[in-house]
Protein backbone atom coordinates (compact mmCIF):
# COMPACT_ATOMS: atom_id res chain seq x y z
CA MET A 1 -40.14 33.62 -20.32
CA THR A 2 -38.51 30.75 -22.22
CA GLN A 3 -37.70 27.54 -20.37
CA GLU A 4 -35.13 24.77 -20.68
CA LYS A 5 -33.92 21.71 -18.77
CA VAL A 6 -30.25 20.75 -18.45
CA GLN A 7 -28.22 18.23 -16.50
CA VAL A 8 -25.31 20.45 -15.43
CA LEU A 9 -25.41 24.24 -15.36
CA ILE A 10 -22.16 26.17 -14.80
CA LEU A 11 -22.38 29.81 -13.74
CA GLY A 12 -19.20 31.79 -14.42
CA SER A 13 -16.33 31.42 -16.85
CA GLY A 14 -13.03 31.90 -15.02
CA PRO A 15 -10.45 29.15 -14.43
CA ALA A 16 -12.87 27.37 -12.05
CA GLY A 17 -15.80 27.43 -14.45
CA TYR A 18 -13.83 26.34 -17.49
CA THR A 19 -12.06 23.55 -15.62
CA ALA A 20 -15.42 22.31 -14.35
CA ALA A 21 -16.66 22.47 -17.94
CA ILE A 22 -13.71 20.44 -19.23
CA TYR A 23 -14.30 17.66 -16.70
CA ALA A 24 -18.09 17.68 -17.01
CA SER A 25 -17.94 17.65 -20.82
CA ARG A 26 -15.48 14.76 -20.92
CA ALA A 27 -17.77 12.87 -18.53
CA GLY A 28 -20.62 13.20 -21.03
CA LEU A 29 -22.72 15.45 -18.79
CA LYS A 30 -23.40 18.01 -21.57
CA PRO A 31 -22.83 21.07 -19.38
CA VAL A 32 -24.27 24.46 -20.23
CA MET A 33 -22.22 27.48 -19.15
CA TYR A 34 -23.29 31.09 -18.79
CA GLN A 35 -20.23 33.31 -18.84
CA GLY A 36 -21.49 36.04 -16.51
CA SER A 37 -20.82 39.76 -16.47
CA GLN A 38 -17.06 39.35 -17.05
CA PRO A 39 -16.46 36.51 -19.55
CA GLY A 40 -13.18 34.87 -18.65
CA GLY A 41 -13.17 36.31 -15.14
CA GLN A 42 -10.54 38.50 -13.49
CA LEU A 43 -7.72 37.11 -15.63
CA THR A 44 -9.08 38.95 -18.65
CA ILE A 45 -7.82 42.18 -17.06
CA THR A 46 -4.46 40.65 -16.09
CA ASN A 47 -1.53 41.08 -18.44
CA ASP A 48 1.29 38.66 -17.64
CA VAL A 49 0.54 35.39 -15.85
CA GLU A 50 3.76 33.61 -14.91
CA ASN A 51 2.64 31.36 -12.07
CA PHE A 52 0.14 29.08 -13.81
CA PRO A 53 1.63 25.62 -14.52
CA GLY A 54 2.23 24.71 -18.13
CA TYR A 55 3.29 28.11 -19.46
CA PRO A 56 7.11 28.17 -19.18
CA ASP A 57 7.38 31.61 -20.78
CA GLY A 58 4.30 33.03 -19.08
CA VAL A 59 1.06 33.95 -20.81
CA GLN A 60 -1.25 36.91 -21.17
CA GLY A 61 -4.34 36.54 -18.98
CA PRO A 62 -6.85 36.90 -21.85
CA GLU A 63 -4.87 34.41 -23.96
CA MET A 64 -4.92 31.84 -21.15
CA MET A 65 -8.66 32.18 -20.74
CA GLU A 66 -9.09 31.77 -24.49
CA ASP A 67 -7.06 28.54 -24.29
CA LEU A 68 -9.31 27.26 -21.51
CA ARG A 69 -12.43 28.22 -23.46
CA LYS A 70 -11.26 26.38 -26.59
CA GLN A 71 -10.34 23.30 -24.56
CA ALA A 72 -13.76 23.16 -22.89
CA GLU A 73 -15.61 23.72 -26.16
CA ARG A 74 -13.52 21.01 -27.84
CA PHE A 75 -15.19 18.50 -25.53
CA GLY A 76 -18.68 19.83 -26.24
CA LEU A 77 -19.35 22.64 -23.77
CA ASP A 78 -22.46 24.65 -24.63
CA ASN A 79 -20.97 28.06 -23.88
CA ARG A 80 -23.32 31.04 -23.75
CA TYR A 81 -23.32 34.74 -22.98
CA GLY A 82 -25.60 35.81 -20.15
CA MET A 83 -25.77 36.25 -16.40
CA ALA A 84 -27.82 34.59 -13.71
CA THR A 85 -30.21 37.17 -12.25
CA SER A 86 -32.20 35.00 -9.80
CA VAL A 87 -32.31 31.45 -8.48
CA ASP A 88 -34.70 29.05 -6.77
CA PHE A 89 -32.92 26.13 -5.10
CA SER A 90 -35.94 24.87 -3.15
CA THR A 91 -36.50 21.69 -5.22
CA PRO A 92 -33.85 18.93 -5.44
CA LEU A 93 -32.82 17.94 -8.99
CA ALA A 94 -34.87 20.88 -10.28
CA HIS A 95 -32.80 23.94 -9.44
CA LYS A 96 -34.21 26.96 -11.22
CA VAL A 97 -31.92 29.70 -12.51
CA VAL A 98 -33.15 32.73 -14.46
CA ILE A 99 -30.73 34.16 -17.02
CA ASP A 100 -30.94 37.89 -17.81
CA GLU A 101 -34.51 37.91 -16.40
CA MET A 102 -35.64 36.27 -19.66
CA HIS A 103 -34.75 32.58 -19.74
CA GLU A 104 -35.46 30.01 -17.00
CA ILE A 105 -33.26 26.94 -16.77
CA THR A 106 -34.11 23.94 -14.62
CA ALA A 107 -30.88 22.09 -13.80
CA GLU A 108 -30.29 18.80 -12.03
CA THR A 109 -27.00 20.20 -10.75
CA VAL A 110 -25.52 23.69 -10.57
CA ILE A 111 -21.81 24.49 -10.36
CA ILE A 112 -21.28 28.04 -9.10
CA SER A 113 -18.05 29.67 -10.23
CA THR A 114 -19.11 33.29 -10.21
CA GLY A 115 -15.83 34.43 -8.63
CA ALA A 116 -15.14 37.56 -6.65
CA SER A 117 -14.43 41.12 -7.67
CA ALA A 118 -11.62 43.19 -6.23
CA LYS A 119 -12.74 46.33 -4.43
CA TRP A 120 -11.21 49.46 -5.92
CA LEU A 121 -10.72 53.00 -4.70
CA GLY A 122 -12.86 54.44 -7.49
CA ILE A 123 -10.42 57.00 -8.88
CA PRO A 124 -10.15 57.40 -12.70
CA SER A 125 -6.39 56.77 -12.92
CA GLU A 126 -6.86 53.44 -11.17
CA THR A 127 -8.95 52.24 -14.11
CA ARG A 128 -6.78 53.87 -16.75
CA LEU A 129 -3.57 52.30 -15.44
CA ASN A 130 -5.02 48.91 -14.51
CA GLY A 131 -2.59 46.31 -15.83
CA MET A 132 0.02 49.01 -16.45
CA GLY A 133 1.31 49.26 -12.90
CA VAL A 134 -1.97 49.10 -10.99
CA SER A 135 -2.89 45.69 -9.57
CA ALA A 136 -5.17 44.12 -6.99
CA CYS A 137 -2.99 41.05 -6.48
CA ALA A 138 0.54 41.31 -5.11
CA VAL A 139 1.09 37.55 -5.29
CA CYS A 140 0.14 37.61 -8.99
CA ASP A 141 2.09 40.69 -10.05
CA GLY A 142 4.71 41.50 -7.41
CA PHE A 143 7.39 39.59 -9.31
CA PHE A 144 7.35 42.24 -12.04
CA TYR A 145 8.48 44.93 -9.56
CA ARG A 146 11.63 43.32 -8.25
CA GLY A 147 14.04 45.94 -6.93
CA GLN A 148 11.56 48.75 -7.50
CA ASP A 149 9.57 51.10 -5.25
CA VAL A 150 5.86 50.35 -4.89
CA ALA A 151 2.88 51.45 -2.81
CA ILE A 152 0.01 49.44 -1.41
CA VAL A 153 -3.24 50.78 0.00
CA GLY A 154 -5.14 48.94 2.72
CA ALA A 155 -5.28 48.40 6.47
CA GLY A 156 -6.40 44.80 7.01
CA ASP A 157 -4.67 41.43 7.20
CA THR A 158 -4.65 41.04 3.42
CA ALA A 159 -2.92 44.40 2.94
CA CYS A 160 -0.32 43.51 5.57
CA GLU A 161 0.28 40.07 4.07
CA GLU A 162 0.70 41.52 0.60
CA ALA A 163 2.95 44.34 1.82
CA HIS A 164 5.17 41.79 3.55
CA TYR A 165 5.23 39.66 0.41
CA LEU A 166 6.21 42.69 -1.69
CA SER A 167 8.93 43.66 0.79
CA LYS A 168 10.84 40.50 -0.15
CA LEU A 169 10.86 41.52 -3.82
CA CYS A 170 10.84 45.31 -3.89
CA ARG A 171 13.35 47.90 -2.77
CA LYS A 172 10.74 49.83 -0.81
CA VAL A 173 7.05 49.35 -0.02
CA THR A 174 4.95 52.30 1.12
CA MET A 175 1.75 51.33 2.91
CA LEU A 176 -1.05 53.88 2.65
CA VAL A 177 -3.50 53.60 5.55
CA ARG A 178 -6.51 55.90 5.50
CA ARG A 179 -7.13 55.90 9.24
CA ASP A 180 -4.75 56.36 12.17
CA GLU A 181 -4.61 52.64 12.86
CA PHE A 182 -4.63 49.22 11.19
CA ARG A 183 -7.62 46.92 11.06
CA ALA A 184 -5.26 43.95 10.84
CA SER A 185 -4.53 41.46 13.59
CA GLN A 186 -1.75 42.33 16.02
CA ILE A 187 0.60 39.72 14.61
CA MET A 188 0.24 41.11 11.09
CA GLN A 189 0.69 44.69 12.28
CA LYS A 190 3.86 43.71 14.09
CA ARG A 191 5.17 41.94 11.02
CA VAL A 192 4.91 44.96 8.70
CA MET A 193 6.02 47.46 11.33
CA SER A 194 9.20 45.47 11.96
CA THR A 195 10.08 45.09 8.28
CA PRO A 196 12.80 47.67 7.46
CA ASN A 197 11.81 48.42 3.86
CA ILE A 198 8.10 48.97 4.61
CA GLU A 199 7.13 52.55 5.37
CA ILE A 200 3.65 53.05 6.82
CA MET A 201 1.80 56.31 6.23
CA PHE A 202 -1.27 56.62 8.47
CA ASN A 203 -4.11 59.13 7.93
CA THR A 204 -3.29 59.02 4.23
CA GLU A 205 -5.77 59.19 1.36
CA THR A 206 -4.87 58.31 -2.23
CA GLU A 207 -5.78 61.23 -4.48
CA GLU A 208 -4.37 60.18 -7.84
CA ILE A 209 -2.04 57.67 -9.47
CA LEU A 210 0.30 59.52 -11.80
CA GLY A 211 1.77 58.38 -15.11
CA ALA A 212 1.00 58.41 -18.83
CA ASN A 213 1.69 54.84 -20.00
CA GLY A 214 2.55 53.34 -16.64
CA VAL A 215 2.66 54.20 -12.96
CA GLU A 216 5.25 56.86 -12.15
CA ALA A 217 4.05 58.20 -8.79
CA VAL A 218 1.08 58.47 -6.45
CA ARG A 219 -0.27 61.69 -5.00
CA VAL A 220 -1.55 61.33 -1.45
CA LYS A 221 -3.12 63.66 1.10
CA ASN A 222 -2.70 63.65 4.84
CA ASN A 223 -6.22 63.60 6.32
CA LYS A 224 -5.19 65.61 9.37
CA THR A 225 -3.00 68.34 7.89
CA GLY A 226 -4.39 68.43 4.34
CA GLU A 227 -0.82 68.33 2.99
CA THR A 228 -0.34 66.56 -0.35
CA THR A 229 2.74 64.54 -1.30
CA GLU A 230 3.88 62.81 -4.48
CA ILE A 231 5.63 59.49 -3.92
CA PRO A 232 7.69 58.12 -6.86
CA ILE A 233 6.69 54.48 -7.52
CA THR A 234 6.36 52.08 -10.43
CA GLY A 235 3.68 49.80 -8.96
CA PHE A 236 0.47 50.54 -7.08
CA PHE A 237 -1.37 47.73 -5.32
CA VAL A 238 -4.93 47.91 -4.01
CA ALA A 239 -5.63 45.59 -1.08
CA ILE A 240 -8.91 46.82 0.37
CA GLY A 241 -10.71 43.52 -0.03
CA HIS A 242 -12.74 41.46 -2.47
CA GLN A 243 -16.47 41.09 -2.88
CA PRO A 244 -17.66 37.60 -3.84
CA ASN A 245 -20.26 37.60 -6.60
CA THR A 246 -22.76 35.59 -4.58
CA GLY A 247 -25.59 38.00 -3.75
CA ILE A 248 -28.28 36.14 -5.70
CA PHE A 249 -27.65 32.95 -3.70
CA LYS A 250 -28.02 34.39 -0.20
CA ASP A 251 -31.62 33.18 0.31
CA TYR A 252 -30.62 29.55 -0.26
CA LEU A 253 -26.91 28.99 0.37
CA ASN A 254 -24.97 29.36 3.59
CA LEU A 255 -22.54 32.26 3.27
CA ASP A 256 -19.92 33.55 5.67
CA GLU A 257 -19.95 37.10 7.02
CA ALA A 258 -18.13 38.38 3.92
CA GLY A 259 -20.47 36.65 1.48
CA TYR A 260 -18.31 33.69 0.49
CA ILE A 261 -20.20 30.43 -0.07
CA LEU A 262 -19.57 27.85 2.65
CA VAL A 263 -18.74 24.36 1.41
CA GLU A 264 -18.17 21.04 3.13
CA LYS A 265 -14.52 20.54 4.03
CA GLY A 266 -12.66 18.72 1.29
CA SER A 267 -15.44 19.14 -1.26
CA THR A 268 -17.42 21.72 -3.20
CA LYS A 269 -20.78 20.70 -1.72
CA THR A 270 -22.97 23.50 -0.42
CA ASN A 271 -25.85 23.15 2.04
CA ILE A 272 -28.19 22.55 -0.93
CA GLU A 273 -28.05 19.08 -2.44
CA GLY A 274 -26.88 19.20 -6.04
CA VAL A 275 -25.43 22.72 -5.84
CA PHE A 276 -21.65 23.02 -5.82
CA ALA A 277 -19.37 26.05 -5.43
CA CYS A 278 -15.81 26.47 -6.64
CA GLY A 279 -13.23 29.15 -7.29
CA ASP A 280 -13.17 32.56 -5.66
CA ALA A 281 -16.89 32.46 -4.86
CA GLN A 282 -15.95 30.14 -1.98
CA ASP A 283 -12.22 30.79 -1.53
CA LYS A 284 -11.18 33.91 0.35
CA ILE A 285 -7.75 32.58 1.34
CA TYR A 286 -5.80 31.66 -1.79
CA ARG A 287 -7.63 33.38 -4.69
CA GLN A 288 -5.25 32.07 -7.35
CA ALA A 289 -6.05 30.83 -10.85
CA VAL A 290 -4.50 27.44 -10.16
CA THR A 291 -6.46 26.86 -6.95
CA ALA A 292 -9.66 27.99 -8.70
CA ALA A 293 -9.00 25.49 -11.46
CA GLY A 294 -8.45 22.75 -8.86
CA THR A 295 -11.78 23.39 -7.19
CA GLY A 296 -13.41 23.55 -10.63
CA CYS A 297 -12.25 19.99 -11.19
CA MET A 298 -13.64 19.05 -7.78
CA GLY A 299 -16.98 20.67 -8.58
CA ALA A 300 -17.41 18.67 -11.78
CA LEU A 301 -16.42 15.41 -10.09
CA ASP A 302 -18.78 16.11 -7.18
CA ALA A 303 -21.61 16.83 -9.63
CA GLU A 304 -20.88 13.67 -11.62
CA ARG A 305 -20.94 11.49 -8.48
CA TYR A 306 -24.11 13.17 -7.26
CA LEU A 307 -25.90 12.45 -10.53
CA ALA A 308 -24.67 8.85 -10.55
CA GLU A 309 -26.06 8.30 -7.05
CA LYS A 310 -29.46 9.69 -8.13
CA GLU A 311 -29.86 7.36 -11.10
């Protein structure tokens, strides 16, 4: 196994990782980034991004990530393909990270920006129509369905929040709930049930999303009667949760019950000195590109101050 020592190691290449790289590079910290299993993060599978500051006409997700990559590399980022497969955070200022089970890096500081992955239903049409009417983020994409009929699948607080958000934009929102009850809090249940243009279908399983070059309808089945129904829609939103990409850190970092990395309030500091977490790996509330970028900035500044104190 090859070995290497670096000052700042950044894991993950979404808005958080690249923003951390921009700040760390400009500070002369010579950061090394490994892009992870999805270079560019979730935005690379997002078409139109209209809510990120600085793009008055909107921007394609992949294009925005390419802009961030070029900006970070302009300041000297050492940007590499590869994914962290194991870590050893037991020694301060000598955090060991193994890349692709082949290359061991010893880093004085580590900035974790491995993000989170949306959970999907696992049906083929969901993948085929992703970005063409299928979305896992109502706040990101709901604007494109103003005055239209959409469906959202999920039963928790996030699904209820997103359904309520969509109800302000769309003509009708159909909520598809697999069981005969919500998992959401009472206040969120009451909110969606009292919204006139939200229809809730309990005991309902999504069988297939229909459409050739965009979403045209969804076929659902009633779990109790076995009856199938086709609902005409133009947008289909999946809100069954996210899974933070933090599994390899669980032996060293404090995680919450869902696997998100716990950080000190108002910072990106984890329970391990010299290890910082930013973006969706530690944010289960906002999960937006702009908030990820903000915590990426924080992560780089926290790492810079940490290194200065250790000199």
